[in-house]
mmCIF file of all heavy atoms, coordinates in Angstrom:
data_MODEL
# 
_entry.id   MODEL 
# 
loop_
_atom_site.group_PDB 
_atom_site.id 
_atom_site.type_symbol 
_atom_site.label_atom_id 
_atom_site.label_alt_id 
_atom_site.label_comp_id 
_atom_site.label_asym_id 
_atom_site.label_entity_id 
_atom_site.label_seq_id 
_atom_site.pdbx_PDB_ins_code 
_atom_site.Cartn_x 
_atom_site.Cartn_y 
_atom_site.Cartn_z 
_atom_site.occupancy 
_atom_site.B_iso_or_equiv 
_atom_site.pdbx_formal_charge 
_atom_site.auth_seq_id 
_atom_site.auth_comp_id 
_atom_site.auth_asym_id 
_atom_site.auth_atom_id 
_atom_site.pdbx_PDB_model_num 
ATOM 1   N N   . LEU A 1 1  ? -16.972 -4.325 35.276 1.00 0.00 ? 1  LEU A N   1 
ATOM 2   C CA  . LEU A 1 1  ? -16.362 -3.105 34.779 1.00 0.00 ? 1  LEU A CA  1 
ATOM 3   C C   . LEU A 1 1  ? -16.623 -3.001 33.280 1.00 0.00 ? 1  LEU A C   1 
ATOM 4   O O   . LEU A 1 1  ? -16.867 -4.018 32.611 1.00 0.00 ? 1  LEU A O   1 
ATOM 5   C CB  . LEU A 1 1  ? -14.858 -3.115 35.042 1.00 0.00 ? 1  LEU A CB  1 
ATOM 6   C CG  . LEU A 1 1  ? -14.429 -2.802 36.487 1.00 0.00 ? 1  LEU A CG  1 
ATOM 7   C CD1 . LEU A 1 1  ? -12.981 -3.234 36.709 1.00 0.00 ? 1  LEU A CD1 1 
ATOM 8   C CD2 . LEU A 1 1  ? -14.596 -1.327 36.790 1.00 0.00 ? 1  LEU A CD2 1 
ATOM 9   N N   . PRO A 1 2  ? -16.579 -1.800 32.705 1.00 0.00 ? 2  PRO A N   1 
ATOM 10  C CA  . PRO A 1 2  ? -16.788 -1.662 31.265 1.00 0.00 ? 2  PRO A CA  1 
ATOM 11  C C   . PRO A 1 2  ? -15.761 -2.469 30.471 1.00 0.00 ? 2  PRO A C   1 
ATOM 12  O O   . PRO A 1 2  ? -14.645 -2.702 30.946 1.00 0.00 ? 2  PRO A O   1 
ATOM 13  C CB  . PRO A 1 2  ? -16.605 -0.162 31.018 1.00 0.00 ? 2  PRO A CB  1 
ATOM 14  C CG  . PRO A 1 2  ? -16.886 0.483  32.334 1.00 0.00 ? 2  PRO A CG  1 
ATOM 15  C CD  . PRO A 1 2  ? -16.393 -0.486 33.365 1.00 0.00 ? 2  PRO A CD  1 
ATOM 16  N N   . PRO A 1 3  ? -16.110 -2.917 29.268 1.00 0.00 ? 3  PRO A N   1 
ATOM 17  C CA  . PRO A 1 3  ? -15.151 -3.616 28.414 1.00 0.00 ? 3  PRO A CA  1 
ATOM 18  C C   . PRO A 1 3  ? -14.005 -2.695 28.026 1.00 0.00 ? 3  PRO A C   1 
ATOM 19  O O   . PRO A 1 3  ? -14.157 -1.474 27.989 1.00 0.00 ? 3  PRO A O   1 
ATOM 20  C CB  . PRO A 1 3  ? -15.986 -4.025 27.194 1.00 0.00 ? 3  PRO A CB  1 
ATOM 21  C CG  . PRO A 1 3  ? -17.133 -3.072 27.186 1.00 0.00 ? 3  PRO A CG  1 
ATOM 22  C CD  . PRO A 1 3  ? -17.421 -2.744 28.619 1.00 0.00 ? 3  PRO A CD  1 
ATOM 23  N N   . VAL A 1 4  ? -12.862 -3.304 27.732 1.00 0.00 ? 4  VAL A N   1 
ATOM 24  C CA  . VAL A 1 4  ? -11.636 -2.538 27.435 1.00 0.00 ? 4  VAL A CA  1 
ATOM 25  C C   . VAL A 1 4  ? -11.083 -2.959 26.087 1.00 0.00 ? 4  VAL A C   1 
ATOM 26  O O   . VAL A 1 4  ? -11.054 -4.147 25.753 1.00 0.00 ? 4  VAL A O   1 
ATOM 27  C CB  . VAL A 1 4  ? -10.570 -2.776 28.520 1.00 0.00 ? 4  VAL A CB  1 
ATOM 28  C CG1 . VAL A 1 4  ? -9.285  -2.011 28.197 1.00 0.00 ? 4  VAL A CG1 1 
ATOM 29  C CG2 . VAL A 1 4  ? -11.091 -2.373 29.893 1.00 0.00 ? 4  VAL A CG2 1 
ATOM 30  N N   . VAL A 1 5  ? -10.589 -1.977 25.329 1.00 0.00 ? 5  VAL A N   1 
ATOM 31  C CA  . VAL A 1 5  ? -9.815  -2.266 24.124 1.00 0.00 ? 5  VAL A CA  1 
ATOM 32  C C   . VAL A 1 5  ? -8.378  -1.826 24.378 1.00 0.00 ? 5  VAL A C   1 
ATOM 33  O O   . VAL A 1 5  ? -8.123  -0.695 24.781 1.00 0.00 ? 5  VAL A O   1 
ATOM 34  C CB  . VAL A 1 5  ? -10.396 -1.568 22.875 1.00 0.00 ? 5  VAL A CB  1 
ATOM 35  C CG1 . VAL A 1 5  ? -10.470 -0.065 23.042 1.00 0.00 ? 5  VAL A CG1 1 
ATOM 36  C CG2 . VAL A 1 5  ? -9.591  -1.947 21.626 1.00 0.00 ? 5  VAL A CG2 1 
ATOM 37  N N   . ASP A 1 6  ? -7.458  -2.739 24.177 1.00 0.00 ? 6  ASP A N   1 
ATOM 38  C CA  . ASP A 1 6  ? -6.033  -2.536 24.431 1.00 0.00 ? 6  ASP A CA  1 
ATOM 39  C C   . ASP A 1 6  ? -5.350  -2.224 23.103 1.00 0.00 ? 6  ASP A C   1 
ATOM 40  O O   . ASP A 1 6  ? -5.206  -3.096 22.242 1.00 0.00 ? 6  ASP A O   1 
ATOM 41  C CB  . ASP A 1 6  ? -5.472  -3.816 25.063 1.00 0.00 ? 6  ASP A CB  1 
ATOM 42  C CG  . ASP A 1 6  ? -3.965  -3.765 25.306 1.00 0.00 ? 6  ASP A CG  1 
ATOM 43  O OD1 . ASP A 1 6  ? -3.300  -2.856 24.787 1.00 0.00 ? 6  ASP A OD1 1 
ATOM 44  O OD2 . ASP A 1 6  ? -3.457  -4.658 26.006 1.00 0.00 ? 6  ASP A OD2 1 
ATOM 45  N N   . ILE A 1 7  ? -4.918  -0.972 22.922 1.00 0.00 ? 7  ILE A N   1 
ATOM 46  C CA  . ILE A 1 7  ? -4.251  -0.560 21.693 1.00 0.00 ? 7  ILE A CA  1 
ATOM 47  C C   . ILE A 1 7  ? -2.830  -0.106 22.030 1.00 0.00 ? 7  ILE A C   1 
ATOM 48  O O   . ILE A 1 7  ? -2.651  0.862  22.769 1.00 0.00 ? 7  ILE A O   1 
ATOM 49  C CB  . ILE A 1 7  ? -5.046  0.548  20.959 1.00 0.00 ? 7  ILE A CB  1 
ATOM 50  C CG1 . ILE A 1 7  ? -4.278  1.057  19.741 1.00 0.00 ? 7  ILE A CG1 1 
ATOM 51  C CG2 . ILE A 1 7  ? -5.423  1.680  21.892 1.00 0.00 ? 7  ILE A CG2 1 
ATOM 52  C CD1 . ILE A 1 7  ? -4.151  0.077  18.619 1.00 0.00 ? 7  ILE A CD1 1 
ATOM 53  N N   . GLU A 1 8  ? -1.837  -0.810 21.497 1.00 0.00 ? 8  GLU A N   1 
ATOM 54  C CA  . GLU A 1 8  ? -0.442  -0.526 21.840 1.00 0.00 ? 8  GLU A CA  1 
ATOM 55  C C   . GLU A 1 8  ? 0.458   -0.362 20.628 1.00 0.00 ? 8  GLU A C   1 
ATOM 56  O O   . GLU A 1 8  ? 1.600   0.091  20.767 1.00 0.00 ? 8  GLU A O   1 
ATOM 57  C CB  . GLU A 1 8  ? 0.119   -1.661 22.710 1.00 0.00 ? 8  GLU A CB  1 
ATOM 58  C CG  . GLU A 1 8  ? -0.645  -1.917 23.988 1.00 0.00 ? 8  GLU A CG  1 
ATOM 59  C CD  . GLU A 1 8  ? -0.055  -3.064 24.793 1.00 0.00 ? 8  GLU A CD  1 
ATOM 60  O OE1 . GLU A 1 8  ? 1.177   -3.271 24.717 1.00 0.00 ? 8  GLU A OE1 1 
ATOM 61  O OE2 . GLU A 1 8  ? -0.818  -3.757 25.494 1.00 0.00 ? 8  GLU A OE2 1 
ATOM 62  N N   . THR A 1 9  ? -0.025  -0.739 19.440 1.00 0.00 ? 9  THR A N   1 
ATOM 63  C CA  . THR A 1 9  ? 0.840   -0.738 18.261 1.00 0.00 ? 9  THR A CA  1 
ATOM 64  C C   . THR A 1 9  ? 0.058   -0.346 17.008 1.00 0.00 ? 9  THR A C   1 
ATOM 65  O O   . THR A 1 9  ? -1.160  -0.557 16.938 1.00 0.00 ? 9  THR A O   1 
ATOM 66  C CB  . THR A 1 9  ? 1.452   -2.142 18.066 1.00 0.00 ? 9  THR A CB  1 
ATOM 67  O OG1 . THR A 1 9  ? 2.227   -2.160 16.870 1.00 0.00 ? 9  THR A OG1 1 
ATOM 68  C CG2 . THR A 1 9  ? 0.383   -3.211 17.994 1.00 0.00 ? 9  THR A CG2 1 
ATOM 69  N N   . LEU A 1 10 ? 0.781   0.203  16.032 1.00 0.00 ? 10 LEU A N   1 
ATOM 70  C CA  . LEU A 1 10 ? 0.157   0.539  14.744 1.00 0.00 ? 10 LEU A CA  1 
ATOM 71  C C   . LEU A 1 10 ? 0.082   -0.672 13.827 1.00 0.00 ? 10 LEU A C   1 
ATOM 72  O O   . LEU A 1 10 ? -0.698  -0.681 12.860 1.00 0.00 ? 10 LEU A O   1 
ATOM 73  C CB  . LEU A 1 10 ? 0.949   1.649  14.054 1.00 0.00 ? 10 LEU A CB  1 
ATOM 74  C CG  . LEU A 1 10 ? 0.909   3.039  14.707 1.00 0.00 ? 10 LEU A CG  1 
ATOM 75  C CD1 . LEU A 1 10 ? 1.837   4.002  13.946 1.00 0.00 ? 10 LEU A CD1 1 
ATOM 76  C CD2 . LEU A 1 10 ? -0.513  3.583  14.738 1.00 0.00 ? 10 LEU A CD2 1 
ATOM 77  N N   . ASP A 1 11 ? 0.878   -1.704 14.107 1.00 0.00 ? 11 ASP A N   1 
ATOM 78  C CA  . ASP A 1 11 ? 0.903   -2.903 13.263 1.00 0.00 ? 11 ASP A CA  1 
ATOM 79  C C   . ASP A 1 11 ? 1.181   -2.576 11.795 1.00 0.00 ? 11 ASP A C   1 
ATOM 80  O O   . ASP A 1 11 ? 0.671   -3.246 10.881 1.00 0.00 ? 11 ASP A O   1 
ATOM 81  C CB  . ASP A 1 11 ? -0.429  -3.660 13.366 1.00 0.00 ? 11 ASP A CB  1 
ATOM 82  C CG  . ASP A 1 11 ? -0.402  -4.691 14.496 1.00 0.00 ? 11 ASP A CG  1 
ATOM 83  O OD1 . ASP A 1 11 ? 0.656   -4.840 15.140 1.00 0.00 ? 11 ASP A OD1 1 
ATOM 84  O OD2 . ASP A 1 11 ? -1.437  -5.330 14.735 1.00 0.00 ? 11 ASP A OD2 1 
ATOM 85  N N   . GLY A 1 12 ? 1.934   -1.503 11.557 1.00 0.00 ? 12 GLY A N   1 
ATOM 86  C CA  . GLY A 1 12 ? 2.319   -1.175 10.191 1.00 0.00 ? 12 GLY A CA  1 
ATOM 87  C C   . GLY A 1 12 ? 1.332   -0.333 9.424  1.00 0.00 ? 12 GLY A C   1 
ATOM 88  O O   . GLY A 1 12 ? 1.564   -0.005 8.259  1.00 0.00 ? 12 GLY A O   1 
ATOM 89  N N   . VAL A 1 13 ? 0.209   0.053  10.041 1.00 0.00 ? 13 VAL A N   1 
ATOM 90  C CA  . VAL A 1 13 ? -0.763  0.910  9.343  1.00 0.00 ? 13 VAL A CA  1 
ATOM 91  C C   . VAL A 1 13 ? -0.560  2.355  9.787  1.00 0.00 ? 13 VAL A C   1 
ATOM 92  O O   . VAL A 1 13 ? 0.140   2.644  10.753 1.00 0.00 ? 13 VAL A O   1 
ATOM 93  C CB  . VAL A 1 13 ? -2.219  0.461  9.624  1.00 0.00 ? 13 VAL A CB  1 
ATOM 94  C CG1 . VAL A 1 13 ? -2.403  -0.999 9.260  1.00 0.00 ? 13 VAL A CG1 1 
ATOM 95  C CG2 . VAL A 1 13 ? -2.604  0.696  11.077 1.00 0.00 ? 13 VAL A CG2 1 
ATOM 96  N N   . SER A 1 14 ? -1.200  3.275  9.098  1.00 0.00 ? 14 SER A N   1 
ATOM 97  C CA  . SER A 1 14 ? -1.075  4.689  9.435  1.00 0.00 ? 14 SER A CA  1 
ATOM 98  C C   . SER A 1 14 ? -1.850  5.001  10.719 1.00 0.00 ? 14 SER A C   1 
ATOM 99  O O   . SER A 1 14 ? -2.810  4.295  11.053 1.00 0.00 ? 14 SER A O   1 
ATOM 100 C CB  . SER A 1 14 ? -1.605  5.552  8.304  1.00 0.00 ? 14 SER A CB  1 
ATOM 101 O OG  . SER A 1 14 ? -3.016  5.400  8.201  1.00 0.00 ? 14 SER A OG  1 
ATOM 102 N N   . PRO A 1 15 ? -1.475  6.060  11.429 1.00 0.00 ? 15 PRO A N   1 
ATOM 103 C CA  . PRO A 1 15 ? -2.247  6.465  12.613 1.00 0.00 ? 15 PRO A CA  1 
ATOM 104 C C   . PRO A 1 15 ? -3.714  6.721  12.288 1.00 0.00 ? 15 PRO A C   1 
ATOM 105 O O   . PRO A 1 15 ? -4.589  6.384  13.089 1.00 0.00 ? 15 PRO A O   1 
ATOM 106 C CB  . PRO A 1 15 ? -1.540  7.741  13.070 1.00 0.00 ? 15 PRO A CB  1 
ATOM 107 C CG  . PRO A 1 15 ? -0.128  7.589  12.596 1.00 0.00 ? 15 PRO A CG  1 
ATOM 108 C CD  . PRO A 1 15 ? -0.250  6.872  11.282 1.00 0.00 ? 15 PRO A CD  1 
ATOM 109 N N   . LEU A 1 16 ? -3.999  7.287  11.123 1.00 0.00 ? 16 LEU A N   1 
ATOM 110 C CA  . LEU A 1 16 ? -5.385  7.548  10.734 1.00 0.00 ? 16 LEU A CA  1 
ATOM 111 C C   . LEU A 1 16 ? -6.158  6.256  10.578 1.00 0.00 ? 16 LEU A C   1 
ATOM 112 O O   . LEU A 1 16 ? -7.289  6.122  11.078 1.00 0.00 ? 16 LEU A O   1 
ATOM 113 C CB  . LEU A 1 16 ? -5.414  8.346  9.428  1.00 0.00 ? 16 LEU A CB  1 
ATOM 114 C CG  . LEU A 1 16 ? -6.816  8.653  8.877  1.00 0.00 ? 16 LEU A CG  1 
ATOM 115 C CD1 . LEU A 1 16 ? -7.628  9.451  9.886  1.00 0.00 ? 16 LEU A CD1 1 
ATOM 116 C CD2 . LEU A 1 16 ? -6.717  9.377  7.529  1.00 0.00 ? 16 LEU A CD2 1 
ATOM 117 N N   . ARG A 1 17 ? -5.566  5.268  9.905  1.00 0.00 ? 17 ARG A N   1 
ATOM 118 C CA  . ARG A 1 17 ? -6.232  3.963  9.730  1.00 0.00 ? 17 ARG A CA  1 
ATOM 119 C C   . ARG A 1 17 ? -6.458  3.301  11.092 1.00 0.00 ? 17 ARG A C   1 
ATOM 120 O O   . ARG A 1 17 ? -7.523  2.720  11.352 1.00 0.00 ? 17 ARG A O   1 
ATOM 121 C CB  . ARG A 1 17 ? -5.367  3.081  8.832  1.00 0.00 ? 17 ARG A CB  1 
ATOM 122 C CG  . ARG A 1 17 ? -5.761  1.614  8.800  1.00 0.00 ? 17 ARG A CG  1 
ATOM 123 C CD  . ARG A 1 17 ? -6.966  1.315  7.939  1.00 0.00 ? 17 ARG A CD  1 
ATOM 124 N NE  . ARG A 1 17 ? -7.348  -0.071 8.037  1.00 0.00 ? 17 ARG A NE  1 
ATOM 125 C CZ  . ARG A 1 17 ? -6.771  -1.072 7.370  1.00 0.00 ? 17 ARG A CZ  1 
ATOM 126 N NH1 . ARG A 1 17 ? -5.754  -0.826 6.543  1.00 0.00 ? 17 ARG A NH1 1 
ATOM 127 N NH2 . ARG A 1 17 ? -7.207  -2.305 7.509  1.00 0.00 ? 17 ARG A NH2 1 
ATOM 128 N N   . MET A 1 18 ? -5.465  3.373  11.946 1.00 0.00 ? 18 MET A N   1 
ATOM 129 C CA  . MET A 1 18 ? -5.600  2.792  13.286 1.00 0.00 ? 18 MET A CA  1 
ATOM 130 C C   . MET A 1 18 ? -6.786  3.410  14.008 1.00 0.00 ? 18 MET A C   1 
ATOM 131 O O   . MET A 1 18 ? -7.613  2.705  14.603 1.00 0.00 ? 18 MET A O   1 
ATOM 132 C CB  . MET A 1 18 ? -4.314  3.013  14.082 1.00 0.00 ? 18 MET A CB  1 
ATOM 133 C CG  . MET A 1 18 ? -4.349  2.527  15.515 1.00 0.00 ? 18 MET A CG  1 
ATOM 134 S SD  . MET A 1 18 ? -4.998  3.768  16.698 1.00 0.00 ? 18 MET A SD  1 
ATOM 135 C CE  . MET A 1 18 ? -3.741  5.023  16.618 1.00 0.00 ? 18 MET A CE  1 
ATOM 136 N N   . ARG A 1 19 ? -6.908  4.729  13.960 1.00 0.00 ? 19 ARG A N   1 
ATOM 137 C CA  . ARG A 1 19 ? -7.987  5.415  14.677 1.00 0.00 ? 19 ARG A CA  1 
ATOM 138 C C   . ARG A 1 19 ? -9.356  5.085  14.086 1.00 0.00 ? 19 ARG A C   1 
ATOM 139 O O   . ARG A 1 19 ? -10.347 4.958  14.814 1.00 0.00 ? 19 ARG A O   1 
ATOM 140 C CB  . ARG A 1 19 ? -7.750  6.922  14.677 1.00 0.00 ? 19 ARG A CB  1 
ATOM 141 C CG  . ARG A 1 19 ? -6.649  7.358  15.652 1.00 0.00 ? 19 ARG A CG  1 
ATOM 142 C CD  . ARG A 1 19 ? -6.636  8.866  15.838 1.00 0.00 ? 19 ARG A CD  1 
ATOM 143 N NE  . ARG A 1 19 ? -6.239  9.568  14.621 1.00 0.00 ? 19 ARG A NE  1 
ATOM 144 C CZ  . ARG A 1 19 ? -4.983  9.918  14.326 1.00 0.00 ? 19 ARG A CZ  1 
ATOM 145 N NH1 . ARG A 1 19 ? -3.990  9.618  15.167 1.00 0.00 ? 19 ARG A NH1 1 
ATOM 146 N NH2 . ARG A 1 19 ? -4.712  10.558 13.204 1.00 0.00 ? 19 ARG A NH2 1 
ATOM 147 N N   . LEU A 1 20 ? -9.441  4.920  12.769 1.00 0.00 ? 20 LEU A N   1 
ATOM 148 C CA  . LEU A 1 20 ? -10.711 4.573  12.135 1.00 0.00 ? 20 LEU A CA  1 
ATOM 149 C C   . LEU A 1 20 ? -11.181 3.190  12.570 1.00 0.00 ? 20 LEU A C   1 
ATOM 150 O O   . LEU A 1 20 ? -12.357 2.990  12.908 1.00 0.00 ? 20 LEU A O   1 
ATOM 151 C CB  . LEU A 1 20 ? -10.580 4.636  10.614 1.00 0.00 ? 20 LEU A CB  1 
ATOM 152 C CG  . LEU A 1 20 ? -10.456 6.033  9.994  1.00 0.00 ? 20 LEU A CG  1 
ATOM 153 C CD1 . LEU A 1 20 ? -10.144 5.937  8.495  1.00 0.00 ? 20 LEU A CD1 1 
ATOM 154 C CD2 . LEU A 1 20 ? -11.745 6.833  10.222 1.00 0.00 ? 20 LEU A CD2 1 
ATOM 155 N N   . GLU A 1 21 ? -10.269 2.218  12.546 1.00 0.00 ? 21 GLU A N   1 
ATOM 156 C CA  . GLU A 1 21 ? -10.634 0.859  12.954 1.00 0.00 ? 21 GLU A CA  1 
ATOM 157 C C   . GLU A 1 21 ? -10.956 0.805  14.450 1.00 0.00 ? 21 GLU A C   1 
ATOM 158 O O   . GLU A 1 21 ? -11.912 0.124  14.862 1.00 0.00 ? 21 GLU A O   1 
ATOM 159 C CB  . GLU A 1 21 ? -9.499  -0.125 12.624 1.00 0.00 ? 21 GLU A CB  1 
ATOM 160 C CG  . GLU A 1 21 ? -9.153  -0.235 11.154 1.00 0.00 ? 21 GLU A CG  1 
ATOM 161 C CD  . GLU A 1 21 ? -10.296 -0.783 10.300 1.00 0.00 ? 21 GLU A CD  1 
ATOM 162 O OE1 . GLU A 1 21 ? -11.292 -1.290 10.859 1.00 0.00 ? 21 GLU A OE1 1 
ATOM 163 O OE2 . GLU A 1 21 ? -10.189 -0.708 9.056  1.00 0.00 ? 21 GLU A OE2 1 
ATOM 164 N N   . LEU A 1 22 ? -10.190 1.536  15.239 1.00 0.00 ? 22 LEU A N   1 
ATOM 165 C CA  . LEU A 1 22 ? -10.438 1.582  16.683 1.00 0.00 ? 22 LEU A CA  1 
ATOM 166 C C   . LEU A 1 22 ? -11.798 2.200  16.979 1.00 0.00 ? 22 LEU A C   1 
ATOM 167 O O   . LEU A 1 22 ? -12.549 1.719  17.835 1.00 0.00 ? 22 LEU A O   1 
ATOM 168 C CB  . LEU A 1 22 ? -9.322  2.383  17.368 1.00 0.00 ? 22 LEU A CB  1 
ATOM 169 C CG  . LEU A 1 22 ? -9.401  2.523  18.890 1.00 0.00 ? 22 LEU A CG  1 
ATOM 170 C CD1 . LEU A 1 22 ? -9.352  1.158  19.567 1.00 0.00 ? 22 LEU A CD1 1 
ATOM 171 C CD2 . LEU A 1 22 ? -8.270  3.418  19.408 1.00 0.00 ? 22 LEU A CD2 1 
ATOM 172 N N   . SER A 1 23 ? -12.125 3.256  16.253 1.00 0.00 ? 23 SER A N   1 
ATOM 173 C CA  . SER A 1 23 ? -13.418 3.910  16.435 1.00 0.00 ? 23 SER A CA  1 
ATOM 174 C C   . SER A 1 23 ? -14.562 2.963  16.083 1.00 0.00 ? 23 SER A C   1 
ATOM 175 O O   . SER A 1 23 ? -15.598 2.942  16.774 1.00 0.00 ? 23 SER A O   1 
ATOM 176 C CB  . SER A 1 23 ? -13.494 5.164  15.569 1.00 0.00 ? 23 SER A CB  1 
ATOM 177 O OG  . SER A 1 23 ? -14.723 5.829  15.745 1.00 0.00 ? 23 SER A OG  1 
ATOM 178 N N   . ASP A 1 24 ? -14.378 2.157  15.022 1.00 0.00 ? 24 ASP A N   1 
ATOM 179 C CA  . ASP A 1 24 ? -15.406 1.177  14.650 1.00 0.00 ? 24 ASP A CA  1 
ATOM 180 C C   . ASP A 1 24 ? -15.613 0.154  15.771 1.00 0.00 ? 24 ASP A C   1 
ATOM 181 O O   . ASP A 1 24 ? -16.752 -0.242 16.076 1.00 0.00 ? 24 ASP A O   1 
ATOM 182 C CB  . ASP A 1 24 ? -15.011 0.452  13.360 1.00 0.00 ? 24 ASP A CB  1 
ATOM 183 C CG  . ASP A 1 24 ? -15.188 1.322  12.114 1.00 0.00 ? 24 ASP A CG  1 
ATOM 184 O OD1 . ASP A 1 24 ? -15.830 2.389  12.230 1.00 0.00 ? 24 ASP A OD1 1 
ATOM 185 O OD2 . ASP A 1 24 ? -14.676 0.929  11.050 1.00 0.00 ? 24 ASP A OD2 1 
ATOM 186 N N   . PHE A 1 25 ? -14.531 -0.287 16.363 1.00 0.00 ? 25 PHE A N   1 
ATOM 187 C CA  . PHE A 1 25 ? -14.610 -1.247 17.474 1.00 0.00 ? 25 PHE A CA  1 
ATOM 188 C C   . PHE A 1 25 ? -15.401 -0.643 18.641 1.00 0.00 ? 25 PHE A C   1 
ATOM 189 O O   . PHE A 1 25 ? -16.340 -1.253 19.168 1.00 0.00 ? 25 PHE A O   1 
ATOM 190 C CB  . PHE A 1 25 ? -13.201 -1.629 17.928 1.00 0.00 ? 25 PHE A CB  1 
ATOM 191 C CG  . PHE A 1 25 ? -13.164 -2.598 19.079 1.00 0.00 ? 25 PHE A CG  1 
ATOM 192 C CD1 . PHE A 1 25 ? -12.996 -3.958 18.854 1.00 0.00 ? 25 PHE A CD1 1 
ATOM 193 C CD2 . PHE A 1 25 ? -13.290 -2.170 20.400 1.00 0.00 ? 25 PHE A CD2 1 
ATOM 194 C CE1 . PHE A 1 25 ? -12.962 -4.863 19.914 1.00 0.00 ? 25 PHE A CE1 1 
ATOM 195 C CE2 . PHE A 1 25 ? -13.264 -3.058 21.469 1.00 0.00 ? 25 PHE A CE2 1 
ATOM 196 C CZ  . PHE A 1 25 ? -13.097 -4.415 21.223 1.00 0.00 ? 25 PHE A CZ  1 
ATOM 197 N N   . LEU A 1 26 ? -15.023 0.554  19.035 1.00 0.00 ? 26 LEU A N   1 
ATOM 198 C CA  . LEU A 1 26 ? -15.649 1.209  20.183 1.00 0.00 ? 26 LEU A CA  1 
ATOM 199 C C   . LEU A 1 26 ? -17.140 1.455  19.953 1.00 0.00 ? 26 LEU A C   1 
ATOM 200 O O   . LEU A 1 26 ? -17.980 1.225  20.842 1.00 0.00 ? 26 LEU A O   1 
ATOM 201 C CB  . LEU A 1 26 ? -14.930 2.528  20.467 1.00 0.00 ? 26 LEU A CB  1 
ATOM 202 C CG  . LEU A 1 26 ? -13.476 2.414  20.941 1.00 0.00 ? 26 LEU A CG  1 
ATOM 203 C CD1 . LEU A 1 26 ? -12.762 3.755  20.813 1.00 0.00 ? 26 LEU A CD1 1 
ATOM 204 C CD2 . LEU A 1 26 ? -13.409 1.916  22.373 1.00 0.00 ? 26 LEU A CD2 1 
ATOM 205 N N   . THR A 1 27 ? -17.468 1.912  18.750 1.00 0.00 ? 27 THR A N   1 
ATOM 206 C CA  . THR A 1 27 ? -18.862 2.226  18.433 1.00 0.00 ? 27 THR A CA  1 
ATOM 207 C C   . THR A 1 27 ? -19.739 0.983  18.477 1.00 0.00 ? 27 THR A C   1 
ATOM 208 O O   . THR A 1 27 ? -20.852 1.001  19.027 1.00 0.00 ? 27 THR A O   1 
ATOM 209 C CB  . THR A 1 27 ? -18.948 2.882  17.040 1.00 0.00 ? 27 THR A CB  1 
ATOM 210 O OG1 . THR A 1 27 ? -18.162 4.073  17.038 1.00 0.00 ? 27 THR A OG1 1 
ATOM 211 C CG2 . THR A 1 27 ? -20.394 3.214  16.686 1.00 0.00 ? 27 THR A CG2 1 
# 
């Protein structure tokens, strides 16, 4: 199956920062 990234928390960062780092992971 395709690899999965599990995102459940902001860990204290902003939603924008979370999305930028998540996008880097996915790309």
